[in-house]
């Protein structure tokens, strides 16, 4: 569910949503890690002022995958 959420939010937040790549990795204790790679010009838009937007995205991702275990969302350069 979290992957679909990230794919849904991309076009709303980014100028170049086609450049967004989402990779899924396995973390400690079975946590899912979603690594989001965006165009260099869009990095500030997905992070937001003082990290407010990425913090909100992380909260939504945790809420969306509450039944499937812990989830982390990271922005990769």
N, C-alpha and C. Protein backbone atom coordinates (compact mmCIF):
# COMPACT_ATOMS: atom_id res chain seq x y z
N UNK A 1 0.82 -1.21 0.00
CA UNK A 1 0.00 0.00 0.00
C UNK A 1 0.85 1.26 0.00
N UNK A 2 1.96 1.24 0.69
CA UNK A 2 2.80 2.44 0.78
C UNK A 2 3.40 2.82 -0.57
N UNK A 3 3.77 1.82 -1.36
CA UNK A 3 4.33 2.11 -2.69
C UNK A 3 3.30 2.84 -3.55
N UNK A 4 2.05 2.37 -3.50
CA UNK A 4 1.00 3.02 -4.27
C UNK A 4 0.77 4.45 -3.78
N UNK A 5 0.89 4.65 -2.49
CA UNK A 5 0.74 5.99 -1.92
C UNK A 5 1.83 6.92 -2.45
N UNK A 6 3.06 6.45 -2.47
CA UNK A 6 4.16 7.27 -2.98
C UNK A 6 3.99 7.56 -4.47
N UNK A 7 3.54 6.56 -5.22
CA UNK A 7 3.31 6.77 -6.65
C UNK A 7 2.16 7.75 -6.89
N UNK A 8 1.19 7.76 -6.01
CA UNK A 8 0.06 8.68 -6.14
C UNK A 8 0.48 10.11 -5.82
N UNK A 9 1.31 10.30 -4.81
CA UNK A 9 1.71 11.64 -4.38
C UNK A 9 2.72 12.29 -5.32
N UNK A 10 3.49 11.49 -6.05
CA UNK A 10 4.53 12.02 -6.94
C UNK A 10 4.06 13.10 -7.90
N UNK A 11 3.04 12.84 -8.71
CA UNK A 11 2.60 13.86 -9.67
C UNK A 11 2.07 15.14 -9.00
N UNK A 12 1.59 15.04 -7.79
CA UNK A 12 1.07 16.21 -7.10
C UNK A 12 2.19 17.09 -6.56
N UNK A 13 3.32 16.50 -6.24
CA UNK A 13 4.40 17.25 -5.60
C UNK A 13 5.52 17.67 -6.54
N UNK A 14 5.76 16.90 -7.58
CA UNK A 14 6.95 17.08 -8.40
C UNK A 14 6.64 17.71 -9.75
N UNK A 15 7.63 18.43 -10.29
CA UNK A 15 7.51 18.98 -11.63
C UNK A 15 7.77 17.90 -12.68
N UNK A 16 8.63 16.95 -12.36
CA UNK A 16 8.98 15.87 -13.28
C UNK A 16 8.69 14.52 -12.60
N UNK A 17 7.41 14.14 -12.51
CA UNK A 17 7.08 12.89 -11.81
C UNK A 17 7.56 11.64 -12.53
N UNK A 18 7.86 11.74 -13.84
CA UNK A 18 8.35 10.58 -14.58
C UNK A 18 9.76 10.20 -14.15
N UNK A 19 10.51 11.14 -13.57
CA UNK A 19 11.88 10.86 -13.13
C UNK A 19 11.91 10.20 -11.75
N UNK A 20 10.77 10.08 -11.10
CA UNK A 20 10.73 9.49 -9.77
C UNK A 20 10.88 7.98 -9.86
N UNK A 21 11.82 7.44 -9.08
CA UNK A 21 12.04 6.00 -9.00
C UNK A 21 11.89 5.57 -7.56
N UNK A 22 11.16 4.50 -7.34
CA UNK A 22 10.94 3.98 -6.00
C UNK A 22 11.50 2.56 -5.95
N UNK A 23 12.45 2.35 -5.06
CA UNK A 23 12.98 1.01 -4.86
C UNK A 23 12.64 0.55 -3.45
N UNK A 24 12.40 -0.73 -3.34
CA UNK A 24 12.00 -1.30 -2.06
C UNK A 24 13.11 -2.20 -1.55
N UNK A 25 13.48 -2.02 -0.28
CA UNK A 25 14.53 -2.83 0.33
C UNK A 25 14.03 -3.36 1.67
N UNK A 26 14.71 -4.37 2.14
CA UNK A 26 14.37 -4.97 3.43
C UNK A 26 15.32 -4.41 4.48
N UNK A 27 14.78 -3.92 5.57
CA UNK A 27 15.58 -3.35 6.64
C UNK A 27 15.64 -4.27 7.84
N UNK A 28 16.10 -3.73 8.94
CA UNK A 28 16.19 -4.48 10.19
C UNK A 28 14.81 -4.84 10.70
N UNK A 29 14.72 -5.99 11.31
CA UNK A 29 13.49 -6.47 11.94
C UNK A 29 12.31 -6.52 10.97
N UNK A 30 12.58 -6.79 9.71
CA UNK A 30 11.51 -6.94 8.73
C UNK A 30 10.89 -5.65 8.24
N UNK A 31 11.51 -4.52 8.52
CA UNK A 31 10.97 -3.24 8.07
C UNK A 31 11.18 -3.07 6.57
N UNK A 32 10.21 -2.46 5.91
CA UNK A 32 10.34 -2.14 4.49
C UNK A 32 10.91 -0.73 4.39
N UNK A 33 11.88 -0.59 3.51
CA UNK A 33 12.48 0.72 3.26
C UNK A 33 12.19 1.09 1.82
N UNK A 34 11.52 2.21 1.63
CA UNK A 34 11.26 2.73 0.29
C UNK A 34 12.24 3.86 0.03
N UNK A 35 13.09 3.67 -0.97
CA UNK A 35 14.05 4.70 -1.35
C UNK A 35 13.49 5.43 -2.57
N UNK A 36 13.27 6.72 -2.41
CA UNK A 36 12.68 7.53 -3.46
C UNK A 36 13.77 8.39 -4.08
N UNK A 37 13.94 8.24 -5.38
CA UNK A 37 14.92 9.03 -6.12
C UNK A 37 14.14 9.93 -7.07
N UNK A 38 14.43 11.23 -7.01
CA UNK A 38 13.74 12.21 -7.85
C UNK A 38 14.77 13.03 -8.62
N UNK A 39 14.29 13.82 -9.56
CA UNK A 39 15.17 14.72 -10.32
C UNK A 39 15.81 15.71 -9.34
N UNK A 40 17.03 16.16 -9.62
CA UNK A 40 17.72 17.08 -8.71
C UNK A 40 16.92 18.35 -8.41
N UNK A 41 16.18 18.85 -9.38
CA UNK A 41 15.39 20.06 -9.16
C UNK A 41 14.19 19.81 -8.26
N UNK A 42 13.74 18.57 -8.15
CA UNK A 42 12.56 18.24 -7.36
C UNK A 42 12.88 17.78 -5.94
N UNK A 43 14.15 17.65 -5.61
CA UNK A 43 14.52 17.15 -4.28
C UNK A 43 13.98 18.06 -3.18
N UNK A 44 14.10 19.36 -3.37
CA UNK A 44 13.59 20.29 -2.37
C UNK A 44 12.08 20.27 -2.24
N UNK A 45 11.40 19.94 -3.31
CA UNK A 45 9.94 19.90 -3.28
C UNK A 45 9.42 18.70 -2.51
N UNK A 46 10.12 17.57 -2.59
CA UNK A 46 9.64 16.40 -1.87
C UNK A 46 10.08 16.45 -0.40
N UNK A 47 11.14 17.18 -0.10
CA UNK A 47 11.58 17.32 1.28
C UNK A 47 10.80 18.42 1.98
N UNK A 48 10.62 19.55 1.34
CA UNK A 48 9.85 20.65 1.91
C UNK A 48 10.66 21.49 2.88
N UNK A 49 10.06 22.57 3.31
CA UNK A 49 10.72 23.45 4.28
C UNK A 49 10.87 22.73 5.61
N UNK A 50 12.11 22.70 6.06
CA UNK A 50 12.45 22.04 7.33
C UNK A 50 11.98 20.59 7.37
N UNK A 51 11.82 19.96 6.20
CA UNK A 51 11.45 18.56 6.14
C UNK A 51 10.00 18.25 6.43
N UNK A 52 9.15 19.24 6.33
CA UNK A 52 7.74 19.03 6.68
C UNK A 52 7.03 18.08 5.73
N UNK A 53 7.29 18.19 4.43
CA UNK A 53 6.58 17.34 3.47
C UNK A 53 7.02 15.89 3.59
N UNK A 54 8.34 15.63 3.67
CA UNK A 54 8.80 14.25 3.79
C UNK A 54 8.36 13.66 5.12
N UNK A 55 8.29 14.45 6.16
CA UNK A 55 7.80 13.96 7.45
C UNK A 55 6.33 13.56 7.34
N UNK A 56 5.55 14.33 6.62
CA UNK A 56 4.14 14.00 6.41
C UNK A 56 3.99 12.74 5.55
N UNK A 57 4.83 12.61 4.53
CA UNK A 57 4.79 11.42 3.68
C UNK A 57 5.13 10.18 4.50
N UNK A 58 6.11 10.29 5.38
CA UNK A 58 6.48 9.16 6.24
C UNK A 58 5.34 8.78 7.17
N UNK A 59 4.66 9.77 7.70
CA UNK A 59 3.53 9.50 8.59
C UNK A 59 2.41 8.80 7.83
N UNK A 60 2.10 9.27 6.63
CA UNK A 60 1.06 8.64 5.82
C UNK A 60 1.45 7.21 5.43
N UNK A 61 2.72 7.00 5.10
CA UNK A 61 3.18 5.66 4.72
C UNK A 61 3.07 4.69 5.90
N UNK A 62 3.42 5.16 7.09
CA UNK A 62 3.28 4.30 8.28
C UNK A 62 1.82 3.97 8.55
N UNK A 63 0.96 4.95 8.38
CA UNK A 63 -0.47 4.72 8.62
C UNK A 63 -1.06 3.78 7.57
N UNK A 64 -0.62 3.90 6.33
CA UNK A 64 -1.15 3.07 5.25
C UNK A 64 -0.71 1.61 5.38
N UNK A 65 0.44 1.39 5.99
CA UNK A 65 0.94 0.02 6.09
C UNK A 65 0.96 -0.47 7.54
N UNK A 66 0.06 0.01 8.32
CA UNK A 66 0.02 -0.32 9.74
C UNK A 66 -0.06 -1.83 9.98
N UNK A 67 -0.79 -2.57 9.15
CA UNK A 67 -0.96 -4.00 9.34
C UNK A 67 0.22 -4.82 8.84
N UNK A 68 0.99 -4.28 7.92
CA UNK A 68 2.05 -5.07 7.30
C UNK A 68 3.42 -4.86 7.94
N UNK A 69 3.54 -4.09 8.98
CA UNK A 69 4.81 -3.91 9.67
C UNK A 69 5.40 -2.53 9.46
N UNK A 70 6.57 -2.29 10.06
CA UNK A 70 7.19 -0.97 9.99
C UNK A 70 7.65 -0.59 8.58
N UNK A 71 7.55 0.70 8.29
CA UNK A 71 7.91 1.23 6.97
C UNK A 71 8.76 2.48 7.15
N UNK A 72 9.75 2.61 6.30
CA UNK A 72 10.60 3.80 6.29
C UNK A 72 10.63 4.35 4.87
N UNK A 73 10.64 5.68 4.73
CA UNK A 73 10.74 6.33 3.43
C UNK A 73 11.97 7.23 3.45
N UNK A 74 12.87 7.01 2.52
CA UNK A 74 14.10 7.79 2.43
C UNK A 74 14.23 8.42 1.05
N UNK A 75 14.71 9.65 1.01
CA UNK A 75 14.97 10.33 -0.25
C UNK A 75 16.45 10.14 -0.58
N UNK A 76 16.73 9.59 -1.77
CA UNK A 76 18.10 9.26 -2.18
C UNK A 76 18.54 10.24 -3.24
N UNK A 77 19.80 10.66 -3.16
CA UNK A 77 20.35 11.57 -4.18
C UNK A 77 20.60 10.86 -5.47
